[in-house]
């Protein structure tokens, strides 16, 4: 499962499966992201007192030791470059745009 699929499954429980499927079909952005995901979409911050939904998402390893052996299958080496890490997802109503 990719991070997008994991997030879509969680979003389906919040917004409804039909709504999420429509968003994906039309290329619309699902309004459920990590703090880093919201920051990539503009100057956002989490509202005071809000708590994210805890989940696990794929994260790239910082060290390249896992895929350094050239004799290994490329797909297997690439799979070891990632691991599941705890992440918190926030809905659009839990963030606010930073006004400068």
N, C-alpha and C. Protein backbone atom coordinates (compact mmCIF):
# COMPACT_ATOMS: atom_id res chain seq x y z
N UNK A 1 0.84 -1.19 0.00
CA UNK A 1 0.00 0.00 0.00
C UNK A 1 0.88 1.25 0.00
N UNK A 2 0.49 2.23 -0.78
CA UNK A 2 1.23 3.49 -0.80
C UNK A 2 0.65 4.43 0.26
N UNK A 3 1.37 5.52 0.54
CA UNK A 3 0.87 6.51 1.49
C UNK A 3 -0.45 7.09 1.02
N UNK A 4 -0.58 7.32 -0.29
CA UNK A 4 -1.82 7.87 -0.84
C UNK A 4 -3.00 6.92 -0.59
N UNK A 5 -2.77 5.62 -0.73
CA UNK A 5 -3.83 4.64 -0.48
C UNK A 5 -4.20 4.58 1.00
N UNK A 6 -3.19 4.65 1.85
CA UNK A 6 -3.44 4.64 3.30
C UNK A 6 -4.27 5.85 3.69
N UNK A 7 -3.89 7.02 3.19
CA UNK A 7 -4.62 8.26 3.50
C UNK A 7 -6.04 8.22 2.92
N UNK A 8 -6.19 7.68 1.71
CA UNK A 8 -7.52 7.57 1.10
C UNK A 8 -8.43 6.67 1.93
N UNK A 9 -7.89 5.56 2.45
CA UNK A 9 -8.69 4.65 3.29
C UNK A 9 -9.14 5.35 4.57
N UNK A 10 -8.25 6.13 5.18
CA UNK A 10 -8.62 6.85 6.40
C UNK A 10 -9.63 7.94 6.08
N UNK A 11 -9.43 8.64 4.96
CA UNK A 11 -10.35 9.70 4.55
C UNK A 11 -11.74 9.14 4.27
N UNK A 12 -11.81 7.92 3.75
CA UNK A 12 -13.11 7.30 3.46
C UNK A 12 -13.92 7.11 4.73
N UNK A 13 -13.26 6.87 5.86
CA UNK A 13 -13.99 6.72 7.13
C UNK A 13 -14.48 8.07 7.65
N UNK A 14 -13.80 9.15 7.24
CA UNK A 14 -14.18 10.49 7.71
C UNK A 14 -15.21 11.14 6.78
N UNK A 15 -14.90 11.15 5.49
CA UNK A 15 -15.73 11.87 4.52
C UNK A 15 -16.72 10.99 3.77
N UNK A 16 -16.56 9.68 3.87
CA UNK A 16 -17.40 8.75 3.14
C UNK A 16 -16.69 8.24 1.90
N UNK A 17 -16.88 6.97 1.61
CA UNK A 17 -16.16 6.34 0.51
C UNK A 17 -16.52 6.97 -0.84
N UNK A 18 -17.80 7.28 -1.06
CA UNK A 18 -18.22 7.87 -2.33
C UNK A 18 -17.56 9.23 -2.56
N UNK A 19 -17.50 10.04 -1.51
CA UNK A 19 -16.89 11.37 -1.62
C UNK A 19 -15.41 11.26 -1.96
N UNK A 20 -14.71 10.36 -1.29
CA UNK A 20 -13.28 10.19 -1.54
C UNK A 20 -13.03 9.65 -2.94
N UNK A 21 -13.84 8.70 -3.38
CA UNK A 21 -13.70 8.15 -4.73
C UNK A 21 -13.92 9.24 -5.78
N UNK A 22 -14.89 10.12 -5.54
CA UNK A 22 -15.14 11.24 -6.46
C UNK A 22 -13.95 12.19 -6.47
N UNK A 23 -13.39 12.49 -5.30
CA UNK A 23 -12.20 13.36 -5.22
C UNK A 23 -11.05 12.77 -6.02
N UNK A 24 -10.81 11.49 -5.86
CA UNK A 24 -9.71 10.84 -6.56
C UNK A 24 -9.96 10.80 -8.07
N UNK A 25 -11.20 10.55 -8.47
CA UNK A 25 -11.53 10.47 -9.89
C UNK A 25 -11.38 11.82 -10.59
N UNK A 26 -11.68 12.90 -9.89
CA UNK A 26 -11.60 14.23 -10.49
C UNK A 26 -10.23 14.89 -10.27
N UNK A 27 -9.33 14.20 -9.57
CA UNK A 27 -8.01 14.76 -9.31
C UNK A 27 -7.98 15.78 -8.19
N UNK A 28 -9.07 15.84 -7.45
CA UNK A 28 -9.17 16.77 -6.33
C UNK A 28 -8.30 16.28 -5.17
N UNK A 29 -7.74 17.20 -4.42
CA UNK A 29 -6.89 16.89 -3.29
C UNK A 29 -7.75 16.49 -2.08
N UNK A 30 -7.45 15.35 -1.48
CA UNK A 30 -8.15 14.93 -0.27
C UNK A 30 -7.65 15.83 0.86
N UNK A 31 -8.54 16.51 1.60
CA UNK A 31 -8.11 17.45 2.64
C UNK A 31 -7.71 16.76 3.95
N UNK A 32 -6.72 15.89 3.85
CA UNK A 32 -6.22 15.15 5.00
C UNK A 32 -4.72 14.93 4.78
N UNK A 33 -3.90 15.64 5.57
CA UNK A 33 -2.46 15.62 5.36
C UNK A 33 -1.71 15.66 6.68
N UNK A 34 -0.44 15.32 6.61
CA UNK A 34 0.46 15.51 7.75
C UNK A 34 0.79 17.00 7.82
N UNK A 35 1.44 17.41 8.89
CA UNK A 35 1.86 18.80 9.01
C UNK A 35 2.75 19.19 7.84
N UNK A 36 3.66 18.30 7.49
CA UNK A 36 4.55 18.55 6.35
C UNK A 36 3.76 18.66 5.05
N UNK A 37 2.73 17.85 4.91
CA UNK A 37 1.87 17.91 3.72
C UNK A 37 1.11 19.23 3.62
N UNK A 38 0.61 19.72 4.76
CA UNK A 38 -0.08 21.02 4.75
C UNK A 38 0.91 22.13 4.45
N UNK A 39 2.12 22.04 5.01
CA UNK A 39 3.13 23.08 4.78
C UNK A 39 3.51 23.15 3.31
N UNK A 40 3.49 22.03 2.62
CA UNK A 40 3.80 22.02 1.19
C UNK A 40 2.70 22.70 0.37
N UNK A 41 1.52 22.84 0.92
CA UNK A 41 0.40 23.46 0.22
C UNK A 41 0.24 24.94 0.56
N UNK A 42 1.10 25.45 1.38
CA UNK A 42 1.03 26.86 1.74
C UNK A 42 1.45 27.05 3.18
N UNK A 43 1.42 28.29 3.61
CA UNK A 43 1.81 28.54 5.02
C UNK A 43 0.66 28.20 5.97
N UNK A 44 0.60 26.93 6.39
CA UNK A 44 -0.44 26.48 7.33
C UNK A 44 0.18 26.11 8.65
N UNK A 45 -0.63 26.17 9.69
CA UNK A 45 -0.23 25.65 11.01
C UNK A 45 -1.44 24.95 11.61
N UNK A 46 -1.15 24.09 12.57
CA UNK A 46 -2.21 23.37 13.26
C UNK A 46 -2.84 24.32 14.27
N UNK A 47 -4.16 24.32 14.33
CA UNK A 47 -4.86 25.16 15.31
C UNK A 47 -4.55 24.67 16.72
N UNK A 48 -4.51 25.61 17.64
CA UNK A 48 -4.21 25.29 19.03
C UNK A 48 -5.25 24.30 19.57
N UNK A 49 -4.74 23.27 20.23
CA UNK A 49 -5.61 22.27 20.86
C UNK A 49 -6.03 21.13 19.96
N UNK A 50 -5.69 21.18 18.68
CA UNK A 50 -6.09 20.11 17.75
C UNK A 50 -5.12 18.93 17.85
N UNK A 51 -5.66 17.74 17.67
CA UNK A 51 -4.86 16.52 17.70
C UNK A 51 -5.11 15.76 16.40
N UNK A 52 -4.04 15.27 15.82
CA UNK A 52 -4.15 14.54 14.56
C UNK A 52 -4.57 13.10 14.75
N UNK A 53 -4.92 12.48 13.64
CA UNK A 53 -5.25 11.07 13.63
C UNK A 53 -3.96 10.28 13.49
N UNK A 54 -3.66 9.43 14.44
CA UNK A 54 -2.42 8.67 14.40
C UNK A 54 -2.53 7.52 13.42
N UNK A 55 -1.50 7.38 12.60
CA UNK A 55 -1.43 6.28 11.64
C UNK A 55 0.03 5.95 11.39
N UNK A 56 0.29 5.06 10.48
CA UNK A 56 1.66 4.75 10.06
C UNK A 56 1.74 4.95 8.56
N UNK A 57 2.75 5.71 8.14
CA UNK A 57 2.99 5.98 6.72
C UNK A 57 4.42 5.57 6.38
N UNK A 58 4.66 5.36 5.08
CA UNK A 58 5.99 5.02 4.62
C UNK A 58 6.89 6.25 4.70
N UNK A 59 8.12 6.04 5.16
CA UNK A 59 9.10 7.11 5.26
C UNK A 59 10.41 6.59 4.69
N UNK A 60 11.11 7.44 3.96
CA UNK A 60 12.38 7.05 3.35
C UNK A 60 13.49 7.08 4.39
N UNK A 61 14.32 6.04 4.38
CA UNK A 61 15.46 5.99 5.28
C UNK A 61 16.47 7.06 4.90
N UNK A 62 17.12 7.64 5.89
CA UNK A 62 18.13 8.65 5.64
C UNK A 62 19.45 8.03 5.20
N UNK A 63 19.75 6.85 5.72
CA UNK A 63 21.00 6.19 5.32
C UNK A 63 20.76 5.35 4.07
N UNK A 64 21.74 5.28 3.23
CA UNK A 64 21.62 4.52 1.98
C UNK A 64 22.25 3.14 2.09
N UNK A 65 22.56 2.67 3.28
CA UNK A 65 23.22 1.38 3.49
C UNK A 65 22.34 0.24 3.00
N UNK A 66 21.05 0.36 3.13
CA UNK A 66 20.13 -0.73 2.78
C UNK A 66 20.22 -1.11 1.31
N UNK A 67 20.45 -0.17 0.41
CA UNK A 67 20.45 -0.48 -1.01
C UNK A 67 21.84 -0.39 -1.65
N UNK A 68 22.87 -0.50 -0.85
CA UNK A 68 24.23 -0.31 -1.37
C UNK A 68 24.78 -1.53 -2.10
N UNK A 69 24.23 -2.71 -1.87
CA UNK A 69 24.74 -3.91 -2.53
C UNK A 69 24.24 -3.97 -3.97
N UNK A 70 25.16 -3.90 -4.93
CA UNK A 70 24.78 -3.87 -6.35
C UNK A 70 24.33 -5.22 -6.86
N UNK A 71 24.62 -6.30 -6.16
CA UNK A 71 24.24 -7.63 -6.61
C UNK A 71 22.79 -7.97 -6.28
N UNK A 72 22.12 -7.13 -5.50
CA UNK A 72 20.75 -7.41 -5.08
C UNK A 72 19.75 -6.96 -6.13
N UNK A 73 18.57 -7.56 -6.08
CA UNK A 73 17.47 -7.16 -6.94
C UNK A 73 17.12 -5.71 -6.63
N UNK A 74 16.97 -4.88 -7.64
CA UNK A 74 16.70 -3.45 -7.45
C UNK A 74 15.40 -3.22 -6.67
N UNK A 75 14.36 -3.99 -6.97
CA UNK A 75 13.08 -3.81 -6.28
C UNK A 75 13.21 -4.13 -4.79
N UNK A 76 13.92 -5.21 -4.45
CA UNK A 76 14.12 -5.56 -3.05
C UNK A 76 14.92 -4.49 -2.32
N UNK A 77 15.95 -3.99 -2.97
CA UNK A 77 16.78 -2.94 -2.36
C UNK A 77 15.95 -1.68 -2.14
N UNK A 78 15.13 -1.31 -3.12
CA UNK A 78 14.28 -0.13 -3.00
C UNK A 78 13.29 -0.29 -1.86
N UNK A 79 12.72 -1.47 -1.69
CA UNK A 79 11.77 -1.71 -0.61
C UNK A 79 12.39 -1.50 0.76
N UNK A 80 13.68 -1.80 0.90
CA UNK A 80 14.35 -1.62 2.19
C UNK A 80 14.74 -0.17 2.45
N UNK A 81 14.59 0.69 1.43
CA UNK A 81 14.90 2.11 1.60
C UNK A 81 13.79 2.83 2.36
N UNK A 82 12.67 2.16 2.60
CA UNK A 82 11.53 2.76 3.28
C UNK A 82 11.14 1.93 4.50
N UNK A 83 10.49 2.60 5.45
CA UNK A 83 9.98 1.91 6.64
C UNK A 83 8.69 2.60 7.09
N UNK A 84 7.90 1.89 7.88
CA UNK A 84 6.65 2.45 8.39
C UNK A 84 6.96 3.26 9.65
N UNK A 85 6.50 4.51 9.65
CA UNK A 85 6.75 5.41 10.78
C UNK A 85 5.44 6.02 11.25
N UNK A 86 5.36 6.33 12.52
CA UNK A 86 4.18 6.96 13.08
C UNK A 86 4.01 8.34 12.45
N UNK A 87 2.77 8.66 12.09
CA UNK A 87 2.47 9.96 11.49
C UNK A 87 1.11 10.41 12.01
N UNK A 88 0.87 11.71 11.94
CA UNK A 88 -0.40 12.27 12.37
C UNK A 88 -1.01 13.03 11.20
N UNK A 89 -2.27 12.74 10.91
CA UNK A 89 -2.99 13.39 9.82
C UNK A 89 -3.97 14.41 10.38
N UNK A 90 -4.07 15.54 9.69
CA UNK A 90 -4.95 16.63 10.12
C UNK A 90 -5.93 16.98 9.00
N UNK A 91 -7.18 17.19 9.38
CA UNK A 91 -8.22 17.61 8.44
C UNK A 91 -8.08 19.11 8.16
N UNK A 92 -8.76 19.57 7.12
CA UNK A 92 -8.69 20.99 6.74
C UNK A 92 -9.22 21.89 7.84
N UNK A 93 -10.21 21.43 8.61
CA UNK A 93 -10.77 22.27 9.67
C UNK A 93 -9.86 22.31 10.92
N UNK A 94 -8.78 21.55 10.90
CA UNK A 94 -7.84 21.55 12.03
C UNK A 94 -6.61 22.43 11.78
N UNK A 95 -6.52 22.99 10.59
CA UNK A 95 -5.38 23.85 10.25
C UNK A 95 -5.88 25.24 9.90
N UNK A 96 -4.96 26.21 9.99
CA UNK A 96 -5.29 27.56 9.59
C UNK A 96 -4.12 28.14 8.80
N UNK A 97 -4.47 28.99 7.85
CA UNK A 97 -3.44 29.63 7.05
C UNK A 97 -2.75 30.69 7.89
N UNK A 98 -1.43 30.75 7.78
CA UNK A 98 -0.65 31.74 8.51
C UNK A 98 -0.70 33.05 7.73
N UNK A 99 -1.15 34.10 8.39
CA UNK A 99 -1.23 35.42 7.76
C UNK A 99 0.03 36.19 8.15
N UNK A 100 0.74 36.64 7.14
CA UNK A 100 1.98 37.37 7.42
C UNK A 100 1.80 38.85 7.27
